[in-house]
Amino acid sequence: MLKQYKLVIFDWDGTVMDSIARIVSCLEEAARLTGGLPTLSPEQLKQMIGLSLEKGFVLLYPNAPFSLFDTWKAHYGQQFRDDNPTPHAFYPDVATTLDTLKNAHGKLLGVATGKSRIGLDRAMGETESQHFFAATRTADETSSKPDPLMINALLEELGINKEEAVMVGDTSHDMLLANNAGIDAIGITWGVHDAVTLSGYNPVAIVGTLPELLTLP
């Protein structure tokens, strides 16, 4: 299965990076600091992971005045960059898996993420992972998932046909992004959504961990 693809596109948070707990903690604190927003459970907050902050705010707080968005966004950014002690790092064996896909299997690797460009570049710098990826796209330089623009931009930049690319992600947003772009998807369950949820979007496979990609035919 995997051998038919020239390009493997990864979501970031919850797919390659174990950052869900940090994101949720930062969202909780951002809402508290902003004021005027309802208290949401961790499970509710997780549902915005993968979206741009703007789309995430609207999803989480549909009845809140949008005038609170800029303050909330600033608090969230400050928490994630500097103030929140919750750790985040690559999931186990991610770097080895990316290296194998690129150098042993000859795949082009890409990223399509709801993070900002500044946020993705910072995360790649912290993990020293820039060299794995041929091209990356973020929500603030294209459009938020599930708009297919970031996938289409990656395909155009790398000269890849749709049938030669696959999206790997942990959320329904990733699966729907792939569906909207007309490419295949592989779901991964160590992030936000479980196999039942991911299977509703007709992925070609579902794996539990990123290294399991290497076991696909």
Protein backbone atom coordinates (compact mmCIF):
# COMPACT_ATOMS: atom_id res chain seq x y z
CA MET A 1 0.00 0.00 0.00
CA LEU A 2 2.54 2.62 1.12
CA LYS A 3 4.86 1.82 -1.77
CA GLN A 4 2.42 3.33 -4.27
CA TYR A 5 2.89 6.84 -2.84
CA LYS A 6 5.71 9.21 -3.70
CA LEU A 7 4.67 11.84 -1.13
CA VAL A 8 3.63 11.25 2.48
CA ILE A 9 2.08 14.33 4.09
CA PHE A 10 1.92 14.52 7.88
CA ASP A 11 -0.20 16.48 10.26
CA TRP A 12 1.93 17.78 13.14
CA ASP A 13 0.24 17.99 16.58
CA GLY A 14 -1.03 14.60 17.66
CA THR A 15 0.54 12.85 14.68
CA VAL A 16 4.30 13.37 14.91
CA MET A 17 4.41 15.50 18.06
CA ASP A 18 3.01 14.47 21.43
CA SER A 19 1.63 17.92 22.18
CA ILE A 20 -2.04 17.31 22.95
CA ALA A 21 -1.72 17.70 26.72
CA ARG A 22 0.23 20.93 26.28
CA ILE A 23 -2.29 22.35 23.82
CA VAL A 24 -5.22 21.51 26.10
CA SER A 25 -3.50 23.03 29.13
CA CYS A 26 -2.69 26.20 27.19
CA LEU A 27 -6.28 26.46 25.93
CA GLU A 28 -7.59 26.12 29.48
CA GLU A 29 -5.33 28.89 30.73
CA ALA A 30 -5.99 31.14 27.72
CA ALA A 31 -9.74 30.95 28.39
CA ARG A 32 -9.24 31.72 32.07
CA LEU A 33 -7.02 34.72 31.35
CA THR A 34 -9.32 36.05 28.64
CA GLY A 35 -12.49 35.86 30.72
CA GLY A 36 -16.01 35.74 29.35
CA LEU A 37 -15.56 32.25 27.92
CA PRO A 38 -17.21 29.06 29.18
CA THR A 39 -15.17 26.38 30.91
CA LEU A 40 -14.78 23.39 28.58
CA SER A 41 -13.62 19.87 29.31
CA PRO A 42 -10.29 18.58 27.97
CA GLU A 43 -12.20 16.34 25.57
CA GLN A 44 -14.08 19.35 24.19
CA LEU A 45 -10.89 21.38 23.84
CA LYS A 46 -9.15 18.57 21.95
CA GLN A 47 -11.68 18.83 19.13
CA MET A 48 -10.05 22.00 17.78
CA ILE A 49 -6.60 20.45 17.42
CA GLY A 50 -5.60 20.56 13.78
CA LEU A 51 -7.59 23.69 12.96
CA SER A 52 -6.31 27.23 12.74
CA LEU A 53 -6.76 29.22 15.95
CA GLU A 54 -9.50 31.30 14.35
CA LYS A 55 -11.52 28.27 13.27
CA GLY A 56 -10.77 26.61 16.59
CA PHE A 57 -12.09 29.59 18.56
CA VAL A 58 -15.35 29.58 16.60
CA LEU A 59 -15.70 25.82 17.07
CA LEU A 60 -15.09 25.97 20.81
CA TYR A 61 -16.96 29.17 21.61
CA PRO A 62 -19.74 29.60 19.03
CA ASN A 63 -21.73 31.89 21.33
CA ALA A 64 -18.82 34.07 22.47
CA PRO A 65 -18.24 37.51 20.93
CA PHE A 66 -15.51 37.25 18.31
CA SER A 67 -14.06 40.46 19.73
CA LEU A 68 -12.45 38.22 22.38
CA PHE A 69 -10.48 36.28 19.77
CA ASP A 70 -7.36 38.46 19.60
CA THR A 71 -6.97 38.51 23.39
CA TRP A 72 -7.54 34.76 23.62
CA LYS A 73 -5.08 34.13 20.78
CA ALA A 74 -2.42 36.26 22.46
CA HIS A 75 -2.85 34.43 25.77
CA TYR A 76 -2.70 31.05 24.04
CA GLY A 77 0.45 31.98 22.15
CA GLN A 78 2.17 33.25 25.29
CA GLN A 79 1.24 30.07 27.14
CA PHE A 80 2.43 27.74 24.40
CA ARG A 81 5.67 29.58 23.69
CA ASP A 82 6.84 30.55 27.14
CA ASP A 83 4.66 30.05 30.19
CA ASN A 84 3.14 26.57 30.19
CA PRO A 85 5.29 23.83 31.77
CA THR A 86 3.48 20.89 30.15
CA PRO A 87 6.11 19.05 28.08
CA HIS A 88 5.84 18.30 24.39
CA ALA A 89 8.14 16.26 22.16
CA PHE A 90 8.13 13.81 19.29
CA TYR A 91 6.26 10.60 19.96
CA PRO A 92 8.57 7.58 20.37
CA ASP A 93 10.56 6.55 17.28
CA VAL A 94 9.13 9.31 15.07
CA ALA A 95 12.54 10.58 13.95
CA THR A 96 13.66 7.05 13.07
CA THR A 97 10.45 6.45 11.13
CA LEU A 98 10.79 9.69 9.17
CA ASP A 99 14.42 8.89 8.38
CA THR A 100 13.49 5.41 7.15
CA LEU A 101 10.65 6.69 4.97
CA LYS A 102 12.86 9.34 3.41
CA ASN A 103 16.21 7.62 3.06
CA ALA A 104 15.43 3.90 2.92
CA HIS A 105 12.07 4.04 1.12
CA GLY A 106 12.79 7.11 -1.00
CA LYS A 107 9.63 9.01 -0.05
CA LEU A 108 9.15 12.74 -0.21
CA LEU A 109 7.77 13.96 3.12
CA GLY A 110 5.59 16.99 3.73
CA VAL A 111 3.62 18.68 6.51
CA ALA A 112 0.10 20.14 6.41
CA THR A 113 -0.75 21.63 9.78
CA GLY A 114 -3.11 23.94 11.57
CA LYS A 115 -0.12 25.54 13.29
CA SER A 116 1.15 28.94 12.25
CA ARG A 117 4.36 29.26 10.25
CA ILE A 118 6.15 30.67 13.27
CA GLY A 119 4.86 27.82 15.43
CA LEU A 120 5.82 25.07 12.99
CA ASP A 121 9.28 26.51 12.37
CA ARG A 122 9.84 26.72 16.12
CA ALA A 123 8.71 23.11 16.64
CA MET A 124 10.91 21.89 13.80
CA GLY A 125 13.84 23.77 15.25
CA GLU A 126 13.28 22.26 18.69
CA THR A 127 13.15 18.75 17.22
CA GLU A 128 15.86 19.36 14.58
CA SER A 129 13.53 17.85 11.99
CA GLN A 130 13.55 20.37 9.14
CA HIS A 131 15.77 18.15 7.00
CA PHE A 132 13.16 15.40 6.80
CA PHE A 133 10.59 17.48 4.92
CA ALA A 134 10.62 18.54 1.29
CA ALA A 135 7.83 21.09 1.77
CA THR A 136 5.45 22.29 4.48
CA ARG A 137 2.28 24.35 4.65
CA THR A 138 0.59 26.04 7.61
CA ALA A 139 -2.91 27.38 8.18
CA ASP A 140 -1.89 31.04 8.28
CA GLU A 141 -0.17 30.95 4.88
CA THR A 142 -2.92 28.97 3.09
CA SER A 143 -6.27 28.07 4.66
CA SER A 144 -7.32 26.08 7.69
CA LYS A 145 -8.28 22.44 7.38
CA PRO A 146 -10.40 21.03 5.89
CA ASP A 147 -9.94 23.46 2.99
CA PRO A 148 -7.75 21.55 0.49
CA LEU A 149 -5.56 24.56 -0.34
CA MET A 150 -2.53 23.45 1.68
CA ILE A 151 -2.56 19.99 0.09
CA ASN A 152 -2.96 21.44 -3.37
CA ALA A 153 -0.07 23.82 -2.73
CA LEU A 154 2.20 20.97 -1.62
CA LEU A 155 1.30 18.88 -4.68
CA GLU A 156 1.99 21.80 -7.00
CA GLU A 157 5.30 22.69 -5.38
CA LEU A 158 6.60 19.13 -5.46
CA GLY A 159 5.14 18.14 -8.82
CA ILE A 160 3.14 15.23 -7.41
CA ASN A 161 -0.14 13.86 -8.77
CA LYS A 162 -3.01 13.30 -6.37
CA GLU A 163 -2.90 9.53 -6.68
CA GLU A 164 0.77 9.62 -5.65
CA ALA A 165 0.15 11.34 -2.29
CA VAL A 166 -1.26 10.26 1.06
CA MET A 167 -2.17 12.28 4.18
CA VAL A 168 -1.36 10.88 7.63
CA GLY A 169 -3.26 12.40 10.54
CA ASP A 170 -4.93 11.79 13.88
CA THR A 171 -8.15 13.82 13.53
CA SER A 172 -11.29 13.98 11.47
CA HIS A 173 -10.00 17.35 10.22
CA ASP A 174 -7.04 15.57 8.61
CA MET A 175 -9.19 12.89 7.05
CA LEU A 176 -11.63 15.45 5.66
CA LEU A 177 -8.73 17.54 4.35
CA ALA A 178 -7.52 14.54 2.37
CA ASN A 179 -11.03 13.78 1.13
CA ASN A 180 -11.54 17.36 -0.02
CA ALA A 181 -8.17 17.37 -1.79
CA GLY A 182 -8.89 14.07 -3.53
CA ILE A 183 -5.96 12.16 -2.02
CA ASP A 184 -5.81 9.05 0.14
CA ALA A 185 -5.56 9.21 3.93
CA ILE A 186 -4.11 7.07 6.71
CA GLY A 187 -5.47 7.55 10.22
CA ILE A 188 -3.36 7.26 13.35
CA THR A 189 -4.93 6.64 16.74
CA TRP A 190 -2.29 7.81 19.24
CA GLY A 191 -3.55 11.38 18.88
CA VAL A 192 -7.02 12.91 19.20
CA HIS A 193 -9.56 10.64 17.48
CA ASP A 194 -10.09 6.89 17.74
CA ALA A 195 -10.33 4.32 14.97
CA VAL A 196 -14.14 4.44 14.87
CA THR A 197 -14.15 8.20 14.25
CA LEU A 198 -11.32 8.09 11.71
CA SER A 199 -12.84 5.17 9.80
CA GLY A 200 -15.89 7.30 9.04
CA TYR A 201 -13.78 9.18 6.48
CA ASN A 202 -12.70 6.09 4.50
CA PRO A 203 -8.94 6.08 5.11
CA VAL A 204 -6.98 3.43 3.23
CA ALA A 205 -5.50 2.28 6.57
CA ILE A 206 -5.54 3.04 10.28
CA VAL A 207 -2.43 2.55 12.41
CA GLY A 208 -1.87 2.92 16.13
CA THR A 209 1.57 4.53 15.95
CA LEU A 210 3.70 6.23 13.33
CA PRO A 211 6.29 3.40 13.17
CA GLU A 212 3.45 1.09 12.09
CA LEU A 213 3.52 2.90 8.74
CA LEU A 214 6.65 0.92 8.00
CA THR A 215 4.69 -2.34 8.28
CA LEU A 216 2.22 -1.36 5.55
CA PRO A 217 2.86 -3.08 2.20
